[in-house]
Amino acid sequence: MSFSFGRETPHISSGENVIKKEGVRIMKIRESVLANSLALTMGVVYFTCAILIGIFPEVSKTVAISWFHGMDLGKIWTGAARGNFTLGLITTVAGSWLVGYLFAFLYNKMNKTGR
């Protein structure tokens, strides 16, 4: 894909990644690229979060409570991730990949139909 920014309107050319509709060029999202990017991003966030919970358990608990509108998490709080870290990482990455792929797929379909 190439972008050229001059005095005229920006021109985008990329072959199959552009949908032409009523003379207007609309960018198409490649499903696998968005899915991979989202999965990798969420994997990094999950891993970083697990490390921060291990280093700062009380701060992490306070933040988690604020996200759940003050719900008492004390009875279920275990602190640092234990044996469930790997399962959590795998399911987070897989779920994020599916959401990213579905988002791009639906975006492209709606762009074709104009909805």
N, C-alpha and C. Protein backbone atom coordinates (compact mmCIF):
# COMPACT_ATOMS: atom_id res chain seq x y z
N MET A 1 0.85 -1.16 0.00
CA MET A 1 0.00 0.00 0.00
C MET A 1 0.89 1.22 0.00
N SER A 2 0.53 2.23 -0.76
CA SER A 2 1.33 3.45 -0.79
C SER A 2 0.43 4.65 -0.57
N PHE A 3 0.95 5.61 0.15
CA PHE A 3 0.25 6.85 0.41
C PHE A 3 1.07 7.98 -0.20
N SER A 4 0.42 8.91 -0.87
CA SER A 4 1.13 10.08 -1.35
C SER A 4 0.35 11.31 -0.93
N PHE A 5 1.00 12.19 -0.21
CA PHE A 5 0.35 13.38 0.30
C PHE A 5 0.97 14.60 -0.39
N GLY A 6 0.24 15.17 -1.28
CA GLY A 6 0.70 16.37 -1.97
C GLY A 6 -0.32 17.46 -1.76
N ARG A 7 -0.42 18.34 -2.74
CA ARG A 7 -1.40 19.41 -2.65
C ARG A 7 -2.81 18.90 -2.94
N GLU A 8 -2.87 17.79 -3.62
CA GLU A 8 -4.17 17.23 -3.96
C GLU A 8 -4.66 16.29 -2.86
N THR A 9 -5.82 15.74 -3.05
CA THR A 9 -6.39 14.79 -2.10
C THR A 9 -5.47 13.57 -1.99
N PRO A 10 -5.25 13.06 -0.78
CA PRO A 10 -4.39 11.88 -0.63
C PRO A 10 -4.88 10.72 -1.49
N HIS A 11 -3.94 10.03 -2.10
CA HIS A 11 -4.25 8.90 -2.98
C HIS A 11 -3.80 7.61 -2.30
N ILE A 12 -4.66 6.64 -2.25
CA ILE A 12 -4.33 5.36 -1.63
C ILE A 12 -4.46 4.29 -2.71
N SER A 13 -3.42 3.51 -2.89
CA SER A 13 -3.51 2.40 -3.84
C SER A 13 -2.96 1.14 -3.19
N SER A 14 -3.74 0.07 -3.25
CA SER A 14 -3.26 -1.17 -2.65
C SER A 14 -3.89 -2.41 -3.26
N GLY A 15 -4.51 -2.32 -4.38
CA GLY A 15 -5.07 -3.50 -5.03
C GLY A 15 -6.27 -4.07 -4.30
N GLU A 16 -6.13 -5.27 -3.76
CA GLU A 16 -7.25 -5.98 -3.16
C GLU A 16 -7.71 -5.40 -1.83
N ASN A 17 -6.95 -4.49 -1.23
CA ASN A 17 -7.33 -3.91 0.06
C ASN A 17 -8.21 -2.68 -0.08
N VAL A 18 -8.68 -2.41 -1.28
CA VAL A 18 -9.54 -1.26 -1.50
C VAL A 18 -10.85 -1.75 -2.11
N ILE A 19 -11.94 -1.27 -1.55
CA ILE A 19 -13.27 -1.56 -2.09
C ILE A 19 -13.72 -0.31 -2.83
N LYS A 20 -14.08 -0.45 -4.09
CA LYS A 20 -14.59 0.70 -4.84
C LYS A 20 -16.10 0.65 -4.80
N LYS A 21 -16.69 1.75 -4.33
CA LYS A 21 -18.14 1.81 -4.21
C LYS A 21 -18.59 3.19 -4.65
N GLU A 22 -19.39 3.25 -5.69
CA GLU A 22 -19.91 4.51 -6.21
C GLU A 22 -18.79 5.51 -6.45
N GLY A 23 -17.68 5.05 -7.00
CA GLY A 23 -16.57 5.93 -7.30
C GLY A 23 -15.71 6.30 -6.11
N VAL A 24 -16.06 5.83 -4.93
CA VAL A 24 -15.31 6.13 -3.71
C VAL A 24 -14.48 4.91 -3.35
N ARG A 25 -13.24 5.13 -2.99
CA ARG A 25 -12.37 4.03 -2.59
C ARG A 25 -12.42 3.89 -1.08
N ILE A 26 -12.80 2.73 -0.62
CA ILE A 26 -12.92 2.46 0.81
C ILE A 26 -11.90 1.40 1.18
N MET A 27 -11.13 1.66 2.22
CA MET A 27 -10.11 0.70 2.65
C MET A 27 -10.76 -0.57 3.20
N LYS A 28 -10.20 -1.69 2.83
CA LYS A 28 -10.63 -2.99 3.34
C LYS A 28 -9.61 -3.42 4.40
N ILE A 29 -10.10 -3.92 5.51
CA ILE A 29 -9.22 -4.41 6.57
C ILE A 29 -8.93 -5.88 6.31
N ARG A 30 -7.66 -6.25 6.33
CA ARG A 30 -7.31 -7.67 6.20
C ARG A 30 -7.58 -8.33 7.55
N GLU A 31 -8.49 -9.29 7.55
CA GLU A 31 -8.96 -9.91 8.78
C GLU A 31 -7.83 -10.51 9.61
N SER A 32 -6.95 -11.24 8.98
CA SER A 32 -5.88 -11.92 9.73
C SER A 32 -4.90 -10.93 10.34
N VAL A 33 -4.66 -9.81 9.66
CA VAL A 33 -3.72 -8.81 10.19
C VAL A 33 -4.30 -8.17 11.45
N LEU A 34 -5.57 -7.77 11.40
CA LEU A 34 -6.20 -7.18 12.58
C LEU A 34 -6.29 -8.20 13.70
N ALA A 35 -6.66 -9.43 13.38
CA ALA A 35 -6.79 -10.48 14.40
C ALA A 35 -5.44 -10.75 15.07
N ASN A 36 -4.38 -10.87 14.28
CA ASN A 36 -3.05 -11.11 14.85
C ASN A 36 -2.59 -9.94 15.71
N SER A 37 -2.83 -8.71 15.25
CA SER A 37 -2.42 -7.53 16.01
C SER A 37 -3.14 -7.45 17.35
N LEU A 38 -4.44 -7.69 17.34
CA LEU A 38 -5.21 -7.63 18.58
C LEU A 38 -4.80 -8.75 19.53
N ALA A 39 -4.60 -9.95 19.01
CA ALA A 39 -4.19 -11.08 19.85
C ALA A 39 -2.83 -10.82 20.49
N LEU A 40 -1.88 -10.31 19.72
CA LEU A 40 -0.56 -10.01 20.27
C LEU A 40 -0.63 -8.90 21.31
N THR A 41 -1.40 -7.86 21.02
CA THR A 41 -1.56 -6.76 21.98
C THR A 41 -2.15 -7.26 23.29
N MET A 42 -3.21 -8.06 23.22
CA MET A 42 -3.84 -8.55 24.44
C MET A 42 -2.94 -9.52 25.19
N GLY A 43 -2.13 -10.30 24.47
CA GLY A 43 -1.16 -11.18 25.12
C GLY A 43 -0.14 -10.39 25.92
N VAL A 44 0.36 -9.30 25.33
CA VAL A 44 1.32 -8.44 26.03
C VAL A 44 0.66 -7.78 27.24
N VAL A 45 -0.56 -7.29 27.08
CA VAL A 45 -1.28 -6.66 28.19
C VAL A 45 -1.51 -7.67 29.31
N TYR A 46 -1.94 -8.88 28.98
CA TYR A 46 -2.19 -9.92 29.98
C TYR A 46 -0.91 -10.26 30.74
N PHE A 47 0.17 -10.46 30.01
CA PHE A 47 1.46 -10.81 30.62
C PHE A 47 1.94 -9.68 31.54
N THR A 48 1.85 -8.44 31.07
CA THR A 48 2.27 -7.28 31.87
C THR A 48 1.41 -7.15 33.11
N CYS A 49 0.11 -7.34 32.96
CA CYS A 49 -0.81 -7.25 34.09
C CYS A 49 -0.47 -8.31 35.15
N ALA A 50 -0.18 -9.52 34.71
CA ALA A 50 0.16 -10.59 35.66
C ALA A 50 1.44 -10.25 36.43
N ILE A 51 2.42 -9.68 35.76
CA ILE A 51 3.66 -9.29 36.43
C ILE A 51 3.38 -8.18 37.45
N LEU A 52 2.59 -7.18 37.05
CA LEU A 52 2.29 -6.07 37.96
C LEU A 52 1.48 -6.53 39.17
N ILE A 53 0.59 -7.48 38.99
CA ILE A 53 -0.16 -8.02 40.13
C ILE A 53 0.78 -8.71 41.09
N GLY A 54 1.76 -9.43 40.56
CA GLY A 54 2.75 -10.09 41.42
C GLY A 54 3.62 -9.12 42.19
N ILE A 55 3.96 -8.00 41.56
CA ILE A 55 4.84 -7.00 42.20
C ILE A 55 4.05 -6.09 43.13
N PHE A 56 2.86 -5.66 42.71
CA PHE A 56 2.05 -4.72 43.48
C PHE A 56 0.65 -5.29 43.74
N PRO A 57 0.53 -6.31 44.59
CA PRO A 57 -0.77 -6.96 44.77
C PRO A 57 -1.85 -6.04 45.35
N GLU A 58 -1.52 -5.21 46.31
CA GLU A 58 -2.54 -4.36 46.93
C GLU A 58 -3.01 -3.26 45.99
N VAL A 59 -2.09 -2.66 45.27
CA VAL A 59 -2.48 -1.63 44.28
C VAL A 59 -3.34 -2.27 43.20
N SER A 60 -2.96 -3.46 42.77
CA SER A 60 -3.73 -4.17 41.74
C SER A 60 -5.14 -4.48 42.23
N LYS A 61 -5.25 -4.87 43.49
CA LYS A 61 -6.57 -5.17 44.06
C LYS A 61 -7.42 -3.90 44.11
N THR A 62 -6.82 -2.79 44.50
CA THR A 62 -7.54 -1.52 44.56
C THR A 62 -8.04 -1.11 43.18
N VAL A 63 -7.19 -1.25 42.17
CA VAL A 63 -7.58 -0.92 40.80
C VAL A 63 -8.71 -1.85 40.34
N ALA A 64 -8.59 -3.14 40.60
CA ALA A 64 -9.62 -4.10 40.20
C ALA A 64 -10.96 -3.78 40.86
N ILE A 65 -10.93 -3.42 42.13
CA ILE A 65 -12.16 -3.06 42.84
C ILE A 65 -12.79 -1.83 42.20
N SER A 66 -11.96 -0.85 41.80
CA SER A 66 -12.50 0.36 41.17
C SER A 66 -13.14 0.04 39.82
N TRP A 67 -12.60 -0.94 39.11
CA TRP A 67 -13.17 -1.32 37.82
C TRP A 67 -14.50 -2.05 37.98
N PHE A 68 -14.69 -2.70 39.12
CA PHE A 68 -15.93 -3.44 39.37
C PHE A 68 -16.86 -2.66 40.30
N HIS A 69 -16.74 -1.35 40.27
CA HIS A 69 -17.64 -0.43 40.98
C HIS A 69 -17.74 -0.71 42.47
N GLY A 70 -16.61 -1.04 43.07
CA GLY A 70 -16.56 -1.23 44.51
C GLY A 70 -16.97 -2.59 45.00
N MET A 71 -17.25 -3.53 44.12
CA MET A 71 -17.64 -4.88 44.53
C MET A 71 -16.52 -5.48 45.37
N ASP A 72 -16.88 -6.16 46.45
CA ASP A 72 -15.88 -6.75 47.35
C ASP A 72 -15.23 -7.96 46.71
N LEU A 73 -14.00 -7.79 46.28
CA LEU A 73 -13.26 -8.88 45.65
C LEU A 73 -12.39 -9.63 46.65
N GLY A 74 -12.43 -9.21 47.91
CA GLY A 74 -11.58 -9.82 48.93
C GLY A 74 -11.78 -11.32 49.09
N LYS A 75 -13.00 -11.78 48.90
CA LYS A 75 -13.29 -13.21 49.09
C LYS A 75 -12.79 -14.07 47.93
N ILE A 76 -12.60 -13.47 46.77
CA ILE A 76 -12.13 -14.25 45.62
C ILE A 76 -10.73 -13.85 45.17
N TRP A 77 -10.15 -12.82 45.78
CA TRP A 77 -8.83 -12.34 45.38
C TRP A 77 -7.75 -13.34 45.78
N THR A 78 -6.94 -13.76 44.83
CA THR A 78 -5.86 -14.70 45.11
C THR A 78 -4.49 -14.07 44.98
N GLY A 79 -4.44 -12.81 44.57
CA GLY A 79 -3.14 -12.15 44.39
C GLY A 79 -2.53 -12.52 43.06
N ALA A 80 -1.26 -12.89 43.09
CA ALA A 80 -0.54 -13.19 41.86
C ALA A 80 -1.12 -14.40 41.15
N ALA A 81 -1.01 -14.39 39.84
CA ALA A 81 -1.48 -15.53 39.04
C ALA A 81 -0.68 -16.77 39.42
N ARG A 82 -1.37 -17.87 39.52
CA ARG A 82 -0.70 -19.12 39.88
C ARG A 82 -0.79 -20.09 38.71
N GLY A 83 -1.35 -21.24 38.92
CA GLY A 83 -1.43 -22.26 37.88
C GLY A 83 -2.32 -21.89 36.72
N ASN A 84 -3.17 -20.90 36.90
CA ASN A 84 -4.10 -20.54 35.84
C ASN A 84 -3.53 -19.49 34.87
N PHE A 85 -2.28 -19.09 35.05
CA PHE A 85 -1.69 -18.06 34.20
C PHE A 85 -1.68 -18.50 32.73
N THR A 86 -1.21 -19.71 32.47
CA THR A 86 -1.09 -20.18 31.09
C THR A 86 -2.46 -20.30 30.43
N LEU A 87 -3.42 -20.87 31.14
CA LEU A 87 -4.77 -20.98 30.59
C LEU A 87 -5.35 -19.60 30.31
N GLY A 88 -5.17 -18.68 31.23
CA GLY A 88 -5.66 -17.31 31.04
C GLY A 88 -5.02 -16.63 29.84
N LEU A 89 -3.71 -16.82 29.68
CA LEU A 89 -3.00 -16.22 28.55
C LEU A 89 -3.50 -16.80 27.23
N ILE A 90 -3.62 -18.11 27.18
CA ILE A 90 -4.06 -18.77 25.93
C ILE A 90 -5.48 -18.35 25.56
N THR A 91 -6.39 -18.34 26.53
CA THR A 91 -7.77 -17.99 26.23
C THR A 91 -7.92 -16.51 25.90
N THR A 92 -7.12 -15.65 26.52
CA THR A 92 -7.15 -14.23 26.20
C THR A 92 -6.69 -13.99 24.77
N VAL A 93 -5.58 -14.62 24.40
CA VAL A 93 -5.04 -14.45 23.04
C VAL A 93 -6.01 -15.03 22.01
N ALA A 94 -6.52 -16.23 22.26
CA ALA A 94 -7.44 -16.86 21.30
C ALA A 94 -8.74 -16.06 21.17
N GLY A 95 -9.29 -15.64 22.29
CA GLY A 95 -10.52 -14.85 22.25
C GLY A 95 -10.32 -13.52 21.55
N SER A 96 -9.19 -12.88 21.79
CA SER A 96 -8.89 -11.61 21.14
C SER A 96 -8.73 -11.80 19.64
N TRP A 97 -8.10 -12.90 19.23
CA TRP A 97 -7.93 -13.17 17.80
C TRP A 97 -9.30 -13.33 17.14
N LEU A 98 -10.20 -14.08 17.78
CA LEU A 98 -11.54 -14.27 17.22
C LEU A 98 -12.31 -12.96 17.12
N VAL A 99 -12.22 -12.13 18.16
CA VAL A 99 -12.91 -10.84 18.15
C VAL A 99 -12.34 -9.95 17.05
N GLY A 100 -11.01 -9.91 16.91
CA GLY A 100 -10.38 -9.10 15.87
C GLY A 100 -10.78 -9.54 14.47
N TYR A 101 -10.80 -10.84 14.25
CA TYR A 101 -11.18 -11.37 12.93
C TYR A 101 -12.64 -11.05 12.63
N LEU A 102 -13.51 -11.29 13.61
CA LEU A 102 -14.93 -11.01 13.43
C LEU A 102 -15.18 -9.53 13.16
N PHE A 103 -14.49 -8.66 13.91
CA PHE A 103 -14.65 -7.22 13.72
C PHE A 103 -14.28 -6.83 12.29
N ALA A 104 -13.11 -7.28 11.81
CA ALA A 104 -12.66 -6.93 10.46
C ALA A 104 -13.60 -7.50 9.40
N PHE A 105 -14.05 -8.73 9.60
CA PHE A 105 -14.96 -9.37 8.65
C PHE A 105 -16.26 -8.57 8.54
N LEU A 106 -16.86 -8.23 9.69
CA LEU A 106 -18.11 -7.47 9.68
C LEU A 106 -17.92 -6.07 9.13
N TYR A 107 -16.80 -5.43 9.46
CA TYR A 107 -16.49 -4.10 8.94
C TYR A 107 -16.45 -4.13 7.41
N ASN A 108 -15.74 -5.11 6.86
CA ASN A 108 -15.64 -5.22 5.41
C ASN A 108 -17.00 -5.50 4.77
N LYS A 109 -17.81 -6.36 5.39
CA LYS A 109 -19.15 -6.66 4.86
C LYS A 109 -20.03 -5.41 4.88
N MET A 110 -19.98 -4.66 5.96
CA MET A 110 -20.81 -3.46 6.07
C MET A 110 -20.34 -2.37 5.11
N ASN A 111 -19.05 -2.31 4.86
CA ASN A 111 -18.53 -1.35 3.89
C ASN A 111 -19.01 -1.67 2.48
N LYS A 112 -19.13 -2.95 2.15
CA LYS A 112 -19.60 -3.34 0.82
C LYS A 112 -21.06 -3.00 0.63
N THR A 113 -21.85 -3.17 1.68
CA THR A 113 -23.29 -2.94 1.56
C THR A 113 -23.70 -1.52 1.88
N GLY A 114 -22.81 -0.75 2.51
CA GLY A 114 -23.12 0.63 2.84
C GLY A 114 -23.95 0.81 4.08
N ARG A 115 -23.99 -0.20 4.93
CA ARG A 115 -24.78 -0.12 6.17
C ARG A 115 -23.99 0.50 7.28
